[in-house]
């Protein structure tokens, strides 16, 4: 039984899938993320859904609740990044 089947999708979560992120300076994520999950901390350079580029330092095993359309390779040192998305 799927406990989420009768609930509407919401930007406040929960996410319905987690997609691995390959940082790329030129390509957007396959789906806009409602948040990012980072396994190994470092710097994440990203483009927000609002159109800004941000550089954010995160700890290992962090959830960054920020709408993200691109994770840039240049400057990103964090690894094991996953996009939390709504299907």
N, C-alpha and C. Protein backbone atom coordinates (compact mmCIF):
# COMPACT_ATOMS: atom_id res chain seq x y z
N UNK A 1 0.85 -1.18 0.00
CA UNK A 1 0.00 0.00 0.00
C UNK A 1 0.89 1.25 0.00
N UNK A 2 0.53 2.20 -0.83
CA UNK A 2 1.28 3.45 -0.92
C UNK A 2 0.60 4.51 -0.06
N UNK A 3 1.21 4.92 1.06
CA UNK A 3 0.56 5.90 1.93
C UNK A 3 0.48 7.30 1.32
N UNK A 4 1.18 7.52 0.20
CA UNK A 4 1.17 8.84 -0.43
C UNK A 4 0.17 8.94 -1.58
N UNK A 5 -0.48 7.84 -1.94
CA UNK A 5 -1.34 7.83 -3.13
C UNK A 5 -2.53 8.78 -3.02
N UNK A 6 -2.98 9.08 -1.83
CA UNK A 6 -4.14 9.97 -1.68
C UNK A 6 -3.74 11.40 -1.32
N UNK A 7 -2.45 11.69 -1.35
CA UNK A 7 -1.97 13.03 -0.99
C UNK A 7 -1.52 13.79 -2.23
N UNK A 8 -1.81 15.08 -2.24
CA UNK A 8 -1.32 15.93 -3.33
C UNK A 8 0.17 16.18 -3.15
N UNK A 9 0.88 16.33 -4.26
CA UNK A 9 2.30 16.66 -4.19
C UNK A 9 2.45 18.08 -3.64
N UNK A 10 3.49 18.29 -2.84
CA UNK A 10 3.69 19.58 -2.21
C UNK A 10 5.15 19.98 -2.27
N UNK A 11 5.41 21.26 -2.48
CA UNK A 11 6.79 21.74 -2.50
C UNK A 11 7.46 21.60 -1.13
N UNK A 12 6.67 21.46 -0.08
CA UNK A 12 7.25 21.29 1.25
C UNK A 12 7.54 19.82 1.55
N UNK A 13 7.30 18.96 0.58
CA UNK A 13 7.67 17.56 0.72
C UNK A 13 6.51 16.70 1.17
N UNK A 14 6.75 15.44 1.27
CA UNK A 14 8.03 14.81 1.01
C UNK A 14 8.30 14.70 -0.49
N UNK A 15 9.58 14.61 -0.82
CA UNK A 15 9.97 14.36 -2.20
C UNK A 15 9.49 12.96 -2.58
N UNK A 16 9.26 12.74 -3.86
CA UNK A 16 8.82 11.43 -4.31
C UNK A 16 9.92 10.61 -4.94
N UNK A 17 11.10 11.24 -5.16
CA UNK A 17 12.23 10.50 -5.72
C UNK A 17 13.51 11.25 -5.41
N UNK A 18 14.63 10.55 -5.47
CA UNK A 18 15.96 11.13 -5.28
C UNK A 18 16.80 10.72 -6.49
N UNK A 19 17.25 11.69 -7.25
CA UNK A 19 18.01 11.43 -8.47
C UNK A 19 19.47 11.82 -8.27
N UNK A 20 20.41 10.96 -8.67
CA UNK A 20 21.82 11.33 -8.55
C UNK A 20 22.12 12.54 -9.42
N UNK A 21 23.00 13.40 -8.91
CA UNK A 21 23.37 14.64 -9.61
C UNK A 21 24.82 14.52 -10.09
N UNK A 22 25.03 14.78 -11.35
CA UNK A 22 26.37 14.93 -11.91
C UNK A 22 26.56 16.42 -12.17
N UNK A 23 27.32 17.11 -11.32
CA UNK A 23 27.49 18.55 -11.52
C UNK A 23 27.94 18.88 -12.94
N UNK A 24 27.33 19.92 -13.51
CA UNK A 24 27.58 20.29 -14.90
C UNK A 24 27.38 21.80 -15.02
N UNK A 25 28.35 22.48 -15.62
CA UNK A 25 28.25 23.93 -15.76
C UNK A 25 27.25 24.37 -16.82
N UNK A 26 26.88 23.49 -17.74
CA UNK A 26 26.05 23.89 -18.86
C UNK A 26 24.64 23.30 -18.86
N UNK A 27 24.41 22.22 -18.14
CA UNK A 27 23.12 21.53 -18.23
C UNK A 27 22.34 21.61 -16.93
N UNK A 28 21.05 21.91 -17.07
CA UNK A 28 20.15 21.89 -15.92
C UNK A 28 19.90 20.45 -15.48
N UNK A 29 19.41 20.28 -14.26
CA UNK A 29 18.99 18.97 -13.78
C UNK A 29 17.83 18.47 -14.62
N UNK A 30 17.66 17.17 -14.69
CA UNK A 30 16.55 16.59 -15.45
C UNK A 30 15.21 17.07 -14.91
N UNK A 31 15.13 17.26 -13.60
CA UNK A 31 13.94 17.82 -12.93
C UNK A 31 14.42 18.85 -11.91
N UNK A 32 13.67 19.91 -11.76
CA UNK A 32 14.00 20.90 -10.73
C UNK A 32 13.89 20.21 -9.37
N UNK A 33 14.89 20.43 -8.53
CA UNK A 33 14.91 19.82 -7.20
C UNK A 33 14.23 20.73 -6.19
N UNK A 34 13.45 20.14 -5.28
CA UNK A 34 12.90 20.92 -4.17
C UNK A 34 13.93 21.02 -3.05
N UNK A 35 14.94 20.15 -3.10
CA UNK A 35 16.03 20.15 -2.12
C UNK A 35 17.16 19.29 -2.67
N UNK A 36 18.33 19.42 -2.07
CA UNK A 36 19.46 18.57 -2.40
C UNK A 36 19.87 17.80 -1.15
N UNK A 37 20.27 16.56 -1.34
CA UNK A 37 20.86 15.76 -0.27
C UNK A 37 22.32 15.57 -0.62
N UNK A 38 23.21 15.84 0.34
CA UNK A 38 24.66 15.77 0.10
C UNK A 38 25.26 14.74 1.05
N UNK A 39 25.91 13.72 0.48
CA UNK A 39 26.52 12.68 1.29
C UNK A 39 27.85 13.11 1.90
N UNK A 40 28.72 13.74 1.10
CA UNK A 40 30.02 14.18 1.59
C UNK A 40 30.10 15.69 1.46
N UNK A 41 30.27 16.35 2.58
CA UNK A 41 30.22 17.80 2.63
C UNK A 41 31.30 18.50 1.83
N UNK A 42 31.07 19.77 1.62
CA UNK A 42 31.96 20.62 0.85
C UNK A 42 31.17 21.79 0.34
N UNK A 43 31.60 22.33 -0.77
CA UNK A 43 30.90 23.47 -1.38
C UNK A 43 30.00 22.96 -2.51
N UNK A 44 28.80 23.50 -2.57
CA UNK A 44 27.89 23.24 -3.68
C UNK A 44 27.63 24.57 -4.36
N UNK A 45 27.96 24.62 -5.65
CA UNK A 45 27.66 25.81 -6.45
C UNK A 45 26.44 25.46 -7.29
N UNK A 46 25.37 26.23 -7.14
CA UNK A 46 24.10 25.88 -7.76
C UNK A 46 23.41 27.10 -8.34
N UNK A 47 22.48 26.83 -9.25
CA UNK A 47 21.59 27.86 -9.78
C UNK A 47 20.22 27.60 -9.17
N UNK A 48 19.66 28.63 -8.54
CA UNK A 48 18.36 28.51 -7.90
C UNK A 48 17.24 28.61 -8.94
N UNK A 49 16.05 28.22 -8.54
CA UNK A 49 14.90 28.39 -9.42
C UNK A 49 14.60 29.87 -9.64
N UNK A 50 15.11 30.72 -8.76
CA UNK A 50 14.95 32.16 -8.91
C UNK A 50 15.96 32.79 -9.85
N UNK A 51 16.89 31.98 -10.40
CA UNK A 51 17.83 32.47 -11.39
C UNK A 51 19.15 32.99 -10.85
N UNK A 52 19.44 32.75 -9.59
CA UNK A 52 20.69 33.20 -8.99
C UNK A 52 21.68 32.04 -8.88
N UNK A 53 22.96 32.34 -8.99
CA UNK A 53 24.00 31.35 -8.74
C UNK A 53 24.52 31.56 -7.33
N UNK A 54 24.55 30.50 -6.56
CA UNK A 54 24.96 30.57 -5.15
C UNK A 54 26.04 29.53 -4.88
N UNK A 55 26.94 29.85 -3.97
CA UNK A 55 27.96 28.93 -3.49
C UNK A 55 27.70 28.72 -2.00
N UNK A 56 27.39 27.48 -1.63
CA UNK A 56 26.98 27.18 -0.26
C UNK A 56 27.82 26.04 0.28
N UNK A 57 28.36 26.22 1.47
CA UNK A 57 29.12 25.17 2.14
C UNK A 57 28.15 24.33 2.96
N UNK A 58 28.24 23.01 2.79
CA UNK A 58 27.34 22.09 3.49
C UNK A 58 28.14 21.00 4.18
N UNK A 59 27.59 20.49 5.26
CA UNK A 59 28.21 19.38 5.98
C UNK A 59 27.81 18.06 5.34
N UNK A 60 28.51 17.00 5.69
CA UNK A 60 28.15 15.67 5.21
C UNK A 60 26.75 15.30 5.71
N UNK A 61 26.03 14.57 4.90
CA UNK A 61 24.69 14.08 5.19
C UNK A 61 23.71 15.22 5.44
N UNK A 62 23.83 16.28 4.64
CA UNK A 62 22.97 17.45 4.76
C UNK A 62 21.84 17.44 3.75
N UNK A 63 20.73 18.03 4.14
CA UNK A 63 19.65 18.34 3.21
C UNK A 63 19.62 19.85 3.08
N UNK A 64 19.71 20.31 1.84
CA UNK A 64 19.69 21.73 1.52
C UNK A 64 18.33 22.04 0.90
N UNK A 65 17.39 22.62 1.67
CA UNK A 65 16.03 22.83 1.17
C UNK A 65 15.93 24.10 0.32
N UNK A 66 16.46 24.02 -0.88
CA UNK A 66 16.52 25.17 -1.77
C UNK A 66 16.17 24.70 -3.18
N UNK A 67 15.17 25.31 -3.80
CA UNK A 67 14.79 24.97 -5.16
C UNK A 67 15.98 25.18 -6.09
N UNK A 68 16.39 24.12 -6.78
CA UNK A 68 17.63 24.13 -7.56
C UNK A 68 17.37 23.61 -8.96
N UNK A 69 17.87 24.35 -9.96
CA UNK A 69 17.71 23.88 -11.34
C UNK A 69 19.02 23.37 -11.93
N UNK A 70 20.18 23.77 -11.36
CA UNK A 70 21.48 23.30 -11.87
C UNK A 70 22.47 23.23 -10.72
N UNK A 71 23.30 22.19 -10.72
CA UNK A 71 24.45 22.11 -9.83
C UNK A 71 25.68 22.22 -10.71
N UNK A 72 26.48 23.23 -10.46
CA UNK A 72 27.63 23.51 -11.32
C UNK A 72 28.85 22.68 -10.91
N UNK A 73 29.62 22.27 -11.90
CA UNK A 73 30.84 21.50 -11.65
C UNK A 73 31.94 22.41 -11.10
N UNK A 74 32.07 23.59 -11.69
CA UNK A 74 33.11 24.52 -11.27
C UNK A 74 32.81 25.02 -9.87
N UNK A 75 33.69 24.73 -8.95
CA UNK A 75 33.55 25.18 -7.57
C UNK A 75 32.87 24.20 -6.64
N UNK A 76 32.18 23.20 -7.19
CA UNK A 76 31.52 22.21 -6.34
C UNK A 76 32.53 21.16 -5.89
N UNK A 77 32.69 21.04 -4.57
CA UNK A 77 33.60 20.04 -4.00
C UNK A 77 32.84 18.95 -3.25
N UNK A 78 31.59 19.21 -2.89
CA UNK A 78 30.76 18.19 -2.23
C UNK A 78 30.51 17.06 -3.21
N UNK A 79 30.32 15.85 -2.68
CA UNK A 79 30.06 14.70 -3.55
C UNK A 79 28.86 13.92 -3.01
N UNK A 80 28.41 12.99 -3.83
CA UNK A 80 27.25 12.19 -3.43
C UNK A 80 26.01 13.06 -3.34
N UNK A 81 25.82 13.92 -4.34
CA UNK A 81 24.69 14.86 -4.34
C UNK A 81 23.50 14.20 -5.01
N UNK A 82 22.34 14.36 -4.41
CA UNK A 82 21.10 13.81 -4.96
C UNK A 82 20.06 14.94 -5.00
N UNK A 83 19.32 15.02 -6.10
CA UNK A 83 18.22 15.97 -6.23
C UNK A 83 16.96 15.32 -5.69
N UNK A 84 16.34 15.94 -4.70
CA UNK A 84 15.06 15.47 -4.17
C UNK A 84 13.98 16.14 -5.01
N UNK A 85 13.17 15.33 -5.68
CA UNK A 85 12.23 15.86 -6.67
C UNK A 85 10.80 15.35 -6.42
N UNK A 86 9.88 16.02 -7.08
CA UNK A 86 8.49 15.58 -7.11
C UNK A 86 8.26 14.94 -8.47
N UNK A 87 7.69 13.74 -8.49
CA UNK A 87 7.46 13.04 -9.77
C UNK A 87 6.26 13.62 -10.49
